[in-house]
PDB file of N, CA and C in Angstrom:
ATOM      1  N   MET A   1       0.761  -1.271  -0.319  1.00  0.00           N
ATOM      2  CA  MET A   1       0.283   0.109  -0.087  1.00  0.00           C
ATOM      3  C   MET A   1       0.885   1.116   0.042  1.00  0.00           C
ATOM      4  N   ALA A   2       0.464   2.137  -0.784  1.00  0.00           N
ATOM      5  CA  ALA A   2       1.556   3.460  -1.155  1.00  0.00           C
ATOM      6  C   ALA A   2       0.816   4.413  -0.003  1.00  0.00           C
ATOM      7  N   PRO A   3       1.977   4.824   0.646  1.00  0.00           N
ATOM      8  CA  PRO A   3       1.897   6.111   1.707  1.00  0.00           C
ATOM      9  C   PRO A   3       0.804   7.053   1.150  1.00  0.00           C
ATOM     10  N   LYS A   4       0.085   7.901   1.769  1.00  0.00           N
ATOM     11  CA  LYS A   4      -0.606   9.077   1.275  1.00  0.00           C
ATOM     12  C   LYS A   4       0.566  10.409   1.482  1.00  0.00           C
ATOM     13  N   ASP A   5       0.201  11.646   0.934  1.00  0.00           N
ATOM     14  CA  ASP A   5       1.042  12.841   0.736  1.00  0.00           C
ATOM     15  C   ASP A   5       1.210  13.170   2.217  1.00  0.00           C
ATOM     16  N   ASP A   6       0.196  13.142   3.160  1.00  0.00           N
ATOM     17  CA  ASP A   6       0.546  13.661   4.551  1.00  0.00           C
ATOM     18  C   ASP A   6       1.384  12.594   5.159  1.00  0.00           C
ATOM     19  N   GLU A   7       1.172  11.207   4.923  1.00  0.00           N
ATOM     20  CA  GLU A   7       2.306  10.470   5.718  1.00  0.00           C
ATOM     21  C   GLU A   7       3.661  10.440   5.217  1.00  0.00           C
ATOM     22  N   ALA A   8       3.898  10.842   3.881  1.00  0.00           N
ATOM     23  CA  ALA A   8       5.195  10.779   3.292  1.00  0.00           C
ATOM     24  C   ALA A   8       5.943  11.955   3.472  1.00  0.00           C
ATOM     25  N   ARG A   9       5.088  13.050   4.138  1.00  0.00           N
ATOM     26  CA  ARG A   9       5.963  14.462   4.706  1.00  0.00           C
ATOM     27  C   ARG A   9       6.762  14.172   6.111  1.00  0.00           C
ATOM     28  N   PRO A  10       7.929  14.495   6.052  1.00  0.00           N
ATOM     29  CA  PRO A  10       8.385  14.770   7.304  1.00  0.00           C
ATOM     30  C   PRO A  10       7.652  15.908   8.233  1.00  0.00           C
ATOM     31  N   ALA A  11       7.950  15.430   9.615  1.00  0.00           N
ATOM     32  CA  ALA A  11       7.075  16.472  10.498  1.00  0.00           C
ATOM     33  C   ALA A  11       7.577  17.697  10.621  1.00  0.00           C
ATOM     34  N   TRP A  12       8.869  17.996   9.883  1.00  0.00           N
ATOM     35  CA  TRP A  12       8.992  19.334  10.050  1.00  0.00           C
ATOM     36  C   TRP A  12       8.796  20.279   8.563  1.00  0.00           C
ATOM     37  N   GLN A  13       8.298  19.602   8.046  1.00  0.00           N
ATOM     38  CA  GLN A  13       7.353  20.194   6.411  1.00  0.00           C
ATOM     39  C   GLN A  13       6.176  20.253   7.205  1.00  0.00           C
ATOM     40  N   HIS A  14       5.206  19.627   7.775  1.00  0.00           N
ATOM     41  CA  HIS A  14       4.028  20.115   8.305  1.00  0.00           C
ATOM     42  C   HIS A  14       4.350  21.240   9.283  1.00  0.00           C
ATOM     43  N   TYR A  15       5.347  21.646   9.910  1.00  0.00           N
ATOM     44  CA  TYR A  15       5.393  22.587  10.799  1.00  0.00           C
ATOM     45  C   TYR A  15       5.584  24.083  10.121  1.00  0.00           C
ATOM     46  N   ALA A  16       6.409  23.625   8.755  1.00  0.00           N
ATOM     47  CA  ALA A  16       6.756  24.776   8.092  1.00  0.00           C
ATOM     48  C   ALA A  16       5.466  25.440   7.485  1.00  0.00           C
ATOM     49  N   LEU A  17       4.904  24.545   6.831  1.00  0.00           N
ATOM     50  CA  LEU A  17       3.677  24.773   6.023  1.00  0.00           C
ATOM     51  C   LEU A  17       2.850  25.367   7.072  1.00  0.00           C
ATOM     52  N   LEU A  18       2.700  24.891   8.312  1.00  0.00           N
ATOM     53  CA  LEU A  18       1.964  25.980   9.226  1.00  0.00           C
ATOM     54  C   LEU A  18       1.974  27.052   9.486  1.00  0.00           C
ATOM     55  N   ALA A  19       3.484  26.884   9.790  1.00  0.00           N
ATOM     56  CA  ALA A  19       4.001  28.516  10.038  1.00  0.00           C
ATOM     57  C   ALA A  19       3.835  29.370   9.004  1.00  0.00           C
ATOM     58  N   LEU A  20       4.018  29.033   7.854  1.00  0.00           N
ATOM     59  CA  LEU A  20       3.852  29.678   6.669  1.00  0.00           C
ATOM     60  C   LEU A  20       2.620  29.966   6.393  1.00  0.00           C
ATOM     61  N   TRP A  21       1.403  29.360   6.716  1.00  0.00           N
ATOM     62  CA  TRP A  21       0.410  29.689   6.388  1.00  0.00           C
ATOM     63  C   TRP A  21      -0.195  30.890   7.549  1.00  0.00           C
ATOM     64  N   VAL A  22       0.173  30.621   9.028  1.00  0.00           N
ATOM     65  CA  VAL A  22       0.102  31.649  10.176  1.00  0.00           C
ATOM     66  C   VAL A  22       0.804  33.078   9.766  1.00  0.00           C
ATOM     67  N   LEU A  23       2.067  32.983   8.756  1.00  0.00           N
ATOM     68  CA  LEU A  23       2.401  34.218   8.763  1.00  0.00           C
ATOM     69  C   LEU A  23       1.538  34.902   7.117  1.00  0.00           C
ATOM     70  N   ALA A  24       1.051  34.149   6.409  1.00  0.00           N
ATOM     71  CA  ALA A  24       0.647  34.702   5.451  1.00  0.00           C
ATOM     72  C   ALA A  24      -0.892  35.186   5.439  1.00  0.00           C
ATOM     73  N   PHE A  25      -1.552  34.263   6.317  1.00  0.00           N
ATOM     74  CA  PHE A  25      -2.619  34.471   6.600  1.00  0.00           C
ATOM     75  C   PHE A  25      -3.278  36.190   6.591  1.00  0.00           C
ATOM     76  N   PRO A  26      -2.702  36.860   7.172  1.00  0.00           N
ATOM     77  CA  PRO A  26      -3.122  38.240   7.377  1.00  0.00           C
ATOM     78  C   PRO A  26      -2.959  39.252   6.284  1.00  0.00           C
ATOM     79  N   PHE A  27      -2.210  38.545   5.347  1.00  0.00           N
ATOM     80  CA  PHE A  27      -1.895  39.261   3.846  1.00  0.00           C
ATOM     81  C   PHE A  27      -3.097  38.512   2.789  1.00  0.00           C
ATOM     82  N   ILE A  28      -3.336  37.104   3.319  1.00  0.00           N
ATOM     83  CA  ILE A  28      -4.196  36.856   2.506  1.00  0.00           C
ATOM     84  C   ILE A  28      -5.694  37.425   3.118  1.00  0.00           C
ATOM     85  N   LEU A  29      -5.975  37.791   4.066  1.00  0.00           N
ATOM     86  CA  LEU A  29      -7.521  37.998   4.609  1.00  0.00           C
ATOM     87  C   LEU A  29      -7.559  39.555   4.034  1.00  0.00           C
ATOM     88  N   VAL A  30      -6.596  40.347   3.797  1.00  0.00           N
ATOM     89  CA  VAL A  30      -6.488  41.672   3.435  1.00  0.00           C
ATOM     90  C   VAL A  30      -6.894  41.725   2.079  1.00  0.00           C
ATOM     91  N   TRP A  31      -6.016  40.920   1.278  1.00  0.00           N
ATOM     92  CA  TRP A  31      -6.223  40.736  -0.206  1.00  0.00           C
ATOM     93  C   TRP A  31      -7.713  40.506  -0.611  1.00  0.00           C
ATOM     94  N   TYR A  32      -8.071  39.792  -0.217  1.00  0.00           N
ATOM     95  CA  TYR A  32      -9.421  39.087   0.098  1.00  0.00           C
ATOM     96  C   TYR A  32     -10.505  40.036   0.175  1.00  0.00           C
ATOM     97  N   SER A  33     -10.057  40.715   1.595  1.00  0.00           N
ATOM     98  CA  SER A  33     -11.476  41.887   1.681  1.00  0.00           C
ATOM     99  C   SER A  33     -11.214  42.834   0.789  1.00  0.00           C
ATOM    100  N   ILE A  34     -10.298  43.541   0.312  1.00  0.00           N
ATOM    101  CA  ILE A  34     -10.107  44.195  -0.756  1.00  0.00           C
ATOM    102  C   ILE A  34     -10.779  43.879  -1.888  1.00  0.00           C
ATOM    103  N   GLU A  35     -10.477  42.468  -2.458  1.00  0.00           N
ATOM    104  CA  GLU A  35     -10.820  41.804  -3.562  1.00  0.00           C
ATOM    105  C   GLU A  35     -12.532  41.933  -3.494  1.00  0.00           C
ATOM    106  N   LYS A  36     -13.015  41.452  -2.154  1.00  0.00           N
ATOM    107  CA  LYS A  36     -14.666  41.348  -2.243  1.00  0.00           C
ATOM    108  C   LYS A  36     -15.274  42.709  -2.122  1.00  0.00           C
ATOM    109  N   PHE A  37     -14.646  43.638  -1.246  1.00  0.00           N
ATOM    110  CA  PHE A  37     -15.494  44.527  -0.676  1.00  0.00           C
ATOM    111  C   PHE A  37     -15.247  45.937  -1.202  1.00  0.00           C
ATOM    112  N   LEU A  38     -13.943  46.466  -1.062  1.00  0.00           N
ATOM    113  CA  LEU A  38     -13.224  47.489  -2.113  1.00  0.00           C
ATOM    114  C   LEU A  38     -13.175  47.734  -3.476  1.00  0.00           C
ATOM    115  N   LEU A  39     -12.853  47.006  -4.120  1.00  0.00           N
ATOM    116  CA  LEU A  39     -12.516  47.087  -5.579  1.00  0.00           C
ATOM    117  C   LEU A  39     -14.362  47.064  -6.001  1.00  0.00           C
ATOM    118  N   PRO A  40     -15.106  46.073  -5.778  1.00  0.00           N
ATOM    119  CA  PRO A  40     -16.490  46.270  -6.293  1.00  0.00           C
ATOM    120  C   PRO A  40     -16.853  47.546  -6.004  1.00  0.00           C
ATOM    121  N   CYS A  41     -16.826  48.070  -4.833  1.00  0.00           N
ATOM    122  CA  CYS A  41     -17.394  49.446  -4.097  1.00  0.00           C
ATOM    123  C   CYS A  41     -16.758  50.557  -5.320  1.00  0.00           C
ATOM    124  N   LEU A  42     -15.606  50.477  -5.121  1.00  0.00           N
ATOM    125  CA  LEU A  42     -14.930  51.430  -6.386  1.00  0.00           C
ATOM    126  C   LEU A  42     -14.958  51.389  -7.624  1.00  0.00           C
ATOM    127  N   GLY A  43     -15.395  50.370  -8.032  1.00  0.00           N
ATOM    128  CA  GLY A  43     -15.976  50.293  -9.385  1.00  0.00           C
ATOM    129  C   GLY A  43     -17.403  50.689  -9.605  1.00  0.00           C
ATOM    130  N   GLU A  44     -18.220  50.716  -8.448  1.00  0.00           N
ATOM    131  CA  GLU A  44     -19.624  51.311  -8.758  1.00  0.00           C
ATOM    132  C   GLU A  44     -19.551  52.816  -8.722  1.00  0.00           C
ATOM    133  N   TYR A  45     -18.390  53.284  -7.594  1.00  0.00           N
ATOM    134  CA  TYR A  45     -18.236  54.656  -7.887  1.00  0.00           C
ATOM    135  C   TYR A  45     -17.603  55.549  -9.115  1.00  0.00           C
ATOM    136  N   VAL A  46     -16.886  54.456  -9.692  1.00  0.00           N
ATOM    137  CA  VAL A  46     -16.115  55.129 -10.900  1.00  0.00           C
ATOM    138  C   VAL A  46     -17.422  54.854 -12.155  1.00  0.00           C
ATOM    139  N   GLY A  47     -18.245  53.814 -12.289  1.00  0.00           N
ATOM    140  CA  GLY A  47     -19.115  53.480 -13.020  1.00  0.00           C
ATOM    141  C   GLY A  47     -20.204  54.838 -12.946  1.00  0.00           C
ATOM    142  N   SER A  48     -20.540  55.321 -11.760  1.00  0.00           N
ATOM    143  CA  SER A  48     -21.690  55.965 -11.684  1.00  0.00           C
ATOM    144  C   SER A  48     -21.208  57.382 -12.000  1.00  0.00           C
ATOM    145  N   ALA A  49     -19.833  57.727 -11.543  1.00  0.00           N
ATOM    146  CA  ALA A  49     -19.265  59.068 -12.063  1.00  0.00           C
ATOM    147  C   ALA A  49     -19.170  59.096 -13.802  1.00  0.00           C
ATOM    148  N   LEU A  50     -18.773  57.778 -14.324  1.00  0.00           N
ATOM    149  CA  LEU A  50     -18.760  58.010 -15.594  1.00  0.00           C
ATOM    150  C   LEU A  50     -20.055  57.953 -16.313  1.00  0.00           C
ATOM    151  N   SER A  51     -20.666  57.475 -16.030  1.00  0.00           N
ATOM    152  CA  SER A  51     -22.155  57.331 -16.767  1.00  0.00           C
ATOM    153  C   SER A  51     -22.890  59.033 -16.444  1.00  0.00           C
ATOM    154  N   LEU A  52     -22.735  59.398 -14.932  1.00  0.00           N
ATOM    155  CA  LEU A  52     -23.150  61.031 -14.927  1.00  0.00           C
ATOM    156  C   LEU A  52     -22.457  61.592 -16.013  1.00  0.00           C
ATOM    157  N   CYS A  53     -21.177  61.308 -16.002  1.00  0.00           N
ATOM    158  CA  CYS A  53     -20.208  62.462 -17.296  1.00  0.00           C
ATOM    159  C   CYS A  53     -20.603  62.258 -18.053  1.00  0.00           C
ATOM    160  N   CYS A  54     -21.010  61.174 -18.942  1.00  0.00           N
ATOM    161  CA  CYS A  54     -21.481  60.781 -20.375  1.00  0.00           C
ATOM    162  C   CYS A  54     -22.952  61.155 -20.436  1.00  0.00           C
ATOM    163  N   PHE A  55     -23.787  60.964 -19.428  1.00  0.00           N
ATOM    164  CA  PHE A  55     -25.006  61.705 -19.429  1.00  0.00           C
ATOM    165  C   PHE A  55     -25.094  63.229 -19.953  1.00  0.00           C
ATOM    166  N   GLN A  56     -24.540  63.519 -18.827  1.00  0.00           N
ATOM    167  CA  GLN A  56     -24.040  65.315 -18.768  1.00  0.00           C
ATOM    168  C   GLN A  56     -23.799  65.916 -20.228  1.00  0.00           C
ATOM    169  N   LEU A  57     -22.531  64.922 -20.862  1.00  0.00           N
ATOM    170  CA  LEU A  57     -22.146  65.452 -22.152  1.00  0.00           C
ATOM    171  C   LEU A  57     -23.067  64.957 -22.968  1.00  0.00           C
ATOM    172  N   SER A  58     -23.651  64.488 -23.247  1.00  0.00           N
ATOM    173  CA  SER A  58     -24.807  63.639 -24.341  1.00  0.00           C
ATOM    174  C   SER A  58     -25.673  64.783 -24.124  1.00  0.00           C
ATOM    175  N   SER A  59     -26.557  65.287 -22.850  1.00  0.00           N
ATOM    176  CA  SER A  59     -27.678  66.025 -23.118  1.00  0.00           C
ATOM    177  C   SER A  59     -26.894  67.280 -23.574  1.00  0.00           C
ATOM    178  N   THR A  60     -25.987  67.579 -22.948  1.00  0.00           N
ATOM    179  CA  THR A  60     -25.784  69.091 -23.692  1.00  0.00           C
ATOM    180  C   THR A  60     -25.396  69.178 -25.209  1.00  0.00           C
ATOM    181  N   LEU A  61     -24.913  68.044 -25.571  1.00  0.00           N
ATOM    182  CA  LEU A  61     -24.192  68.082 -27.089  1.00  0.00           C
ATOM    183  C   LEU A  61     -25.902  67.910 -27.940  1.00  0.00           C
ATOM    184  N   CYS A  62     -26.607  66.837 -27.422  1.00  0.00           N
ATOM    185  CA  CYS A  62     -27.879  66.711 -27.951  1.00  0.00           C
ATOM    186  C   CYS A  62     -28.898  66.868 -27.571  1.00  0.00           C
ATOM    187  N   LYS A  63     -29.969  67.798 -27.571  1.00  0.00           N
ATOM    188  CA  LYS A  63     -30.912  68.348 -27.184  1.00  0.00           C
ATOM    189  C   LYS A  63     -32.018  67.165 -26.982  1.00  0.00           C
ATOM    190  N   CYS A  64     -31.916  66.306 -27.872  1.00  0.00           N
ATOM    191  CA  CYS A  64     -32.884  65.179 -27.560  1.00  0.00           C
ATOM    192  C   CYS A  64     -32.893  64.346 -26.838  1.00  0.00           C
ATOM    193  N   CYS A  65     -31.409  64.327 -25.891  1.00  0.00           N
ATOM    194  CA  CYS A  65     -31.314  62.866 -25.083  1.00  0.00           C
ATOM    195  C   CYS A  65     -32.348  63.338 -23.758  1.00  0.00           C
ATOM    196  N   GLY A  66     -32.532  64.926 -23.537  1.00  0.00           N
ATOM    197  CA  GLY A  66     -33.548  65.327 -22.336  1.00  0.00           C
ATOM    198  C   GLY A  66     -34.783  64.661 -22.365  1.00  0.00           C
ATOM    199  N   GLU A  67     -34.988  64.112 -23.499  1.00  0.00           N
ATOM    200  CA  GLU A  67     -36.452  63.503 -23.670  1.00  0.00           C
ATOM    201  C   GLU A  67     -36.346  61.957 -23.301  1.00  0.00           C
ATOM    202  N   LEU A  68     -35.114  61.421 -23.138  1.00  0.00           N
ATOM    203  CA  LEU A  68     -34.985  60.070 -22.591  1.00  0.00           C
ATOM    204  C   LEU A  68     -34.898  60.043 -21.162  1.00  0.00           C
ATOM    205  N   ARG A  69     -35.295  61.380 -20.403  1.00  0.00           N
ATOM    206  CA  ARG A  69     -35.500  60.822 -19.358  1.00  0.00           C
ATOM    207  C   ARG A  69     -36.695  60.399 -18.463  1.00  0.00           C
ATOM    208  N   PHE A  70     -36.681  59.173 -17.686  1.00  0.00           N
ATOM    209  CA  PHE A  70     -38.560  58.814 -17.172  1.00  0.00           C
ATOM    210  C   PHE A  70     -39.240  59.621 -16.589  1.00  0.00           C
ATOM    211  N   THR A  71     -40.509  59.400 -17.096  1.00  0.00           N
ATOM    212  CA  THR A  71     -41.564  60.233 -16.396  1.00  0.00           C
ATOM    213  C   THR A  71     -42.688  59.442 -16.074  1.00  0.00           C
ATOM    214  N   ASP A  72     -42.880  59.269 -14.548  1.00  0.00           N
ATOM    215  CA  ASP A  72     -43.806  58.315 -14.034  1.00  0.00           C
ATOM    216  C   ASP A  72     -45.229  58.724 -14.469  1.00  0.00           C
ATOM    217  N   LYS A  73     -46.014  57.598 -15.186  1.00  0.00           N
ATOM    218  CA  LYS A  73     -47.473  57.992 -15.784  1.00  0.00           C
ATOM    219  C   LYS A  73     -48.559  57.567 -14.573  1.00  0.00           C
ATOM    220  N   GLU A  74     -48.017  57.202 -13.464  1.00  0.00           N
ATOM    221  CA  GLU A  74     -48.906  57.016 -12.365  1.00  0.00           C
ATOM    222  C   GLU A  74     -48.267  58.159 -11.335  1.00  0.00           C
ATOM    223  N   PHE A  75     -47.316  58.844 -11.429  1.00  0.00           N
ATOM    224  CA  PHE A  75     -47.010  60.101 -10.726  1.00  0.00           C
ATOM    225  C   PHE A  75     -46.358  61.429 -11.288  1.00  0.00           C
ATOM    226  N   PRO A  76     -47.437  61.670 -12.377  1.00  0.00           N
ATOM    227  CA  PRO A  76     -46.880  63.015 -12.937  1.00  0.00           C
ATOM    228  C   PRO A  76     -46.335  64.252 -12.618  1.00  0.00           C
ATOM    229  N   PRO A  77     -45.577  65.001 -13.131  1.00  0.00           N
ATOM    230  CA  PRO A  77     -45.312  66.089 -12.333  1.00  0.00           C
ATOM    231  C   PRO A  77     -46.118  67.153 -12.234  1.00  0.00           C
ATOM    232  N   VAL A  78     -47.265  67.058 -11.610  1.00  0.00           N
ATOM    233  CA  VAL A  78     -48.476  68.063 -11.337  1.00  0.00           C
ATOM    234  C   VAL A  78     -48.754  68.448  -9.922  1.00  0.00           C
ATOM    235  N   GLY A  79     -49.326  69.087  -9.596  1.00  0.00           N
ATOM    236  CA  GLY A  79     -49.847  69.712  -8.190  1.00  0.00           C
ATOM    237  C   GLY A  79     -51.066  68.390  -7.599  1.00  0.00           C
ATOM    238  N   ALA A  80     -51.590  67.811  -8.635  1.00  0.00           N
ATOM    239  CA  ALA A  80     -52.595  67.111  -8.091  1.00  0.00           C
ATOM    240  C   ALA A  80     -52.091  65.728  -7.438  1.00  0.00           C
ATOM    241  N   SER A  81     -50.888  65.466  -8.120  1.00  0.00           N
ATOM    242  CA  SER A  81     -50.003  64.156  -7.559  1.00  0.00           C
ATOM    243  C   SER A  81     -49.798  64.266  -6.103  1.00  0.00           C
ATOM    244  N   VAL A  82     -49.214  65.436  -5.593  1.00  0.00           N
ATOM    245  CA  VAL A  82     -48.931  65.871  -4.235  1.00  0.00           C
ATOM    246  C   VAL A  82     -50.016  65.507  -3.634  1.00  0.00           C
ATOM    247  N   GLY A  83     -51.224  66.399  -3.968  1.00  0.00           N
ATOM    248  CA  GLY A  83     -52.594  66.272  -3.153  1.00  0.00           C
ATOM    249  C   GLY A  83     -52.511  67.196  -2.048  1.00  0.00           C
ATOM    250  N   GLY A  84     -53.384  67.159  -1.159  1.00  0.00           N
ATOM    251  CA  GLY A  84     -53.427  67.848  -0.068  1.00  0.00           C
ATOM    252  C   GLY A  84     -53.718  69.526  -0.147  1.00  0.00           C
ATOM    253  N   ASP A  85     -53.279  70.420   0.322  1.00  0.00           N
ATOM    254  CA  ASP A  85     -53.003  72.090   0.286  1.00  0.00           C
ATOM    255  C   ASP A  85     -52.714  72.379  -1.316  1.00  0.00           C
ATOM    256  N   PHE A  86     -51.568  71.615  -1.438  1.00  0.00           N
ATOM    257  CA  PHE A  86     -50.898  71.893  -2.866  1.00  0.00           C
ATOM    258  C   PHE A  86     -51.652  71.303  -4.180  1.00  0.00           C
ATOM    259  N   ALA A  87     -53.004  70.530  -4.127  1.00  0.00           N
ATOM    260  CA  ALA A  87     -53.335  70.150  -5.284  1.00  0.00           C
ATOM    261  C   ALA A  87     -53.902  71.365  -6.368  1.00  0.00           C
ATOM    262  N   ALA A  88     -54.436  72.487  -5.414  1.00  0.00           N
ATOM    263  CA  ALA A  88     -55.228  73.606  -6.440  1.00  0.00           C
ATOM    264  C   ALA A  88     -54.168  74.565  -6.362  1.00  0.00           C
ATOM    265  N   ASP A  89     -52.588  74.656  -5.634  1.00  0.00           N
ATOM    266  CA  ASP A  89     -51.646  75.858  -5.812  1.00  0.00           C
ATOM    267  C   ASP A  89     -51.232  75.589  -7.507  1.00  0.00           C
ATOM    268  N   PRO A  90     -51.751  76.967  -8.086  1.00  0.00           N
ATOM    269  CA  PRO A  90     -50.484  76.945  -9.097  1.00  0.00           C
ATOM    270  C   PRO A  90     -49.507  77.435  -9.368  1.00  0.00           C
ATOM    271  N   GLU A  91     -48.744  77.809  -8.059  1.00  0.00           N
ATOM    272  CA  GLU A  91     -47.465  78.395  -8.335  1.00  0.00           C
ATOM    273  C   GLU A  91     -46.528  77.167  -7.801  1.00  0.00           C
ATOM    274  N   VAL A  92     -47.244  75.933  -7.577  1.00  0.00           N
ATOM    275  CA  VAL A  92     -46.447  74.577  -7.395  1.00  0.00           C
ATOM    276  C   VAL A  92     -45.362  74.453  -8.675  1.00  0.00           C
ATOM    277  N   GLU A  93     -44.199  74.374  -8.338  1.00  0.00           N
ATOM    278  CA  GLU A  93     -43.366  73.847  -9.494  1.00  0.00           C
ATOM    279  C   GLU A  93     -42.367  72.559  -9.539  1.00  0.00           C
ATOM    280  N   TRP A  94     -42.775  72.137 -10.433  1.00  0.00           N
ATOM    281  CA  TRP A  94     -41.697  70.453 -10.261  1.00  0.00           C
ATOM    282  C   TRP A  94     -40.574  70.704 -10.893  1.00  0.00           C
ATOM    283  N   PHE A  95     -39.261  70.640 -10.298  1.00  0.00           N
ATOM    284  CA  PHE A  95     -37.893  70.269 -10.860  1.00  0.00           C
ATOM    285  C   PHE A  95     -37.458  68.858 -10.749  1.00  0.00           C
ATOM    286  N   ARG A  96     -36.238  69.194 -11.622  1.00  0.00           N
ATOM    287  CA  ARG A  96     -35.629  67.791 -11.392  1.00  0.00           C
ATOM    288  C   ARG A  96     -34.250  68.148 -10.655  1.00  0.00           C
ATOM    289  N   VAL A  97     -33.549  67.251 -10.126  1.00  0.00           N
ATOM    290  CA  VAL A  97     -32.652  67.611  -9.428  1.00  0.00           C
ATOM    291  C   VAL A  97     -31.328  68.306 -10.234  1.00  0.00           C
ATOM    292  N   SER A  98     -31.232  67.722 -11.338  1.00  0.00           N
ATOM    293  CA  SER A  98     -30.167  68.676 -12.248  1.00  0.00           C
ATOM    294  C   SER A  98     -30.400  69.787 -12.349  1.00  0.00           C
ATOM    295  N   GLU A  99     -31.995  70.090 -12.693  1.00  0.00           N
ATOM    296  CA  GLU A  99     -32.121  71.636 -12.705  1.00  0.00           C
ATOM    297  C   GLU A  99     -32.003  72.583 -11.993  1.00  0.00           C
ATOM    298  N   ILE A 100     -32.318  72.035 -10.394  1.00  0.00           N
ATOM    299  CA  ILE A 100     -32.101  72.842  -9.045  1.00  0.00           C
ATOM    300  C   ILE A 100     -30.533  73.038  -9.030  1.00  0.00           C
ATOM    301  N   VAL A 101     -29.635  71.916  -9.565  1.00  0.00           N
ATOM    302  CA  VAL A 101     -28.176  72.282  -9.147  1.00  0.00           C
ATOM    303  C   VAL A 101     -27.713  72.924 -10.208  1.00  0.00           C
ATOM    304  N   THR A 102     -28.008  72.914 -11.245  1.00  0.00           N
ATOM    305  CA  THR A 102     -27.346  74.034 -12.306  1.00  0.00           C
ATOM    306  C   THR A 102     -28.082  75.340 -12.343  1.00  0.00           C
ATOM    307  N   SER A 103     -29.309  75.605 -11.579  1.00  0.00           N
ATOM    308  CA  SER A 103     -29.829  76.689 -11.606  1.00  0.00           C
ATOM    309  C   SER A 103     -29.057  77.661 -10.589  1.00  0.00           C
ATOM    310  N   THR A 104     -28.618  76.746  -9.193  1.00  0.00           N
ATOM    311  CA  THR A 104     -28.303  77.779  -8.116  1.00  0.00           C
ATOM    312  C   THR A 104     -26.427  77.676  -8.457  1.00  0.00           C
ATOM    313  N   GLY A 105     -26.101  77.178  -9.313  1.00  0.00           N
ATOM    314  CA  GLY A 105     -24.525  77.117  -9.615  1.00  0.00           C
ATOM    315  C   GLY A 105     -23.519  76.119  -9.196  1.00  0.00           C
ATOM    316  N   LYS A 106     -24.398  75.540  -8.351  1.00  0.00           N
ATOM    317  CA  LYS A 106     -23.626  74.235  -7.547  1.00  0.00           C
ATOM    318  C   LYS A 106     -23.324  72.790  -8.188  1.00  0.00           C
ATOM    319  N   GLY A 107     -22.369  72.280  -8.335  1.00  0.00           N
ATOM    320  CA  GLY A 107     -22.357  71.096  -8.929  1.00  0.00           C
ATOM    321  C   GLY A 107     -22.021  71.265 -10.478  1.00  0.00           C
ATOM    322  N   GLY A 108     -22.043  70.002 -11.148  1.00  0.00           N
ATOM    323  CA  GLY A 108     -21.743  69.799 -12.576  1.00  0.00           C
ATOM    324  C   GLY A 108     -22.928  69.994 -13.566  1.00  0.00           C
TER     325      GLY A 108
END
């Protein structure tokens, strides 16, 4: 009967592998945490920033891109959607966040 791999190694090799694992484990743990948590998070931030820049650029260059924005048919931007005291108020104006930010001069 042939010896198994564990039985064929001398005891010092088992201890050397264990010591190597103990010394390398913190670095492996840090790498896996960066790989699983930090990199996807950074990827989402970069993707969001790029899509925002591309949308701003395309809406500036092409005025028809403004029509691609979503408008909810069940909650249209009219006073009746809000209800209550605002339903009959003709001075209620609806703005998109991008319109508010550009009108105040803050943001991009």
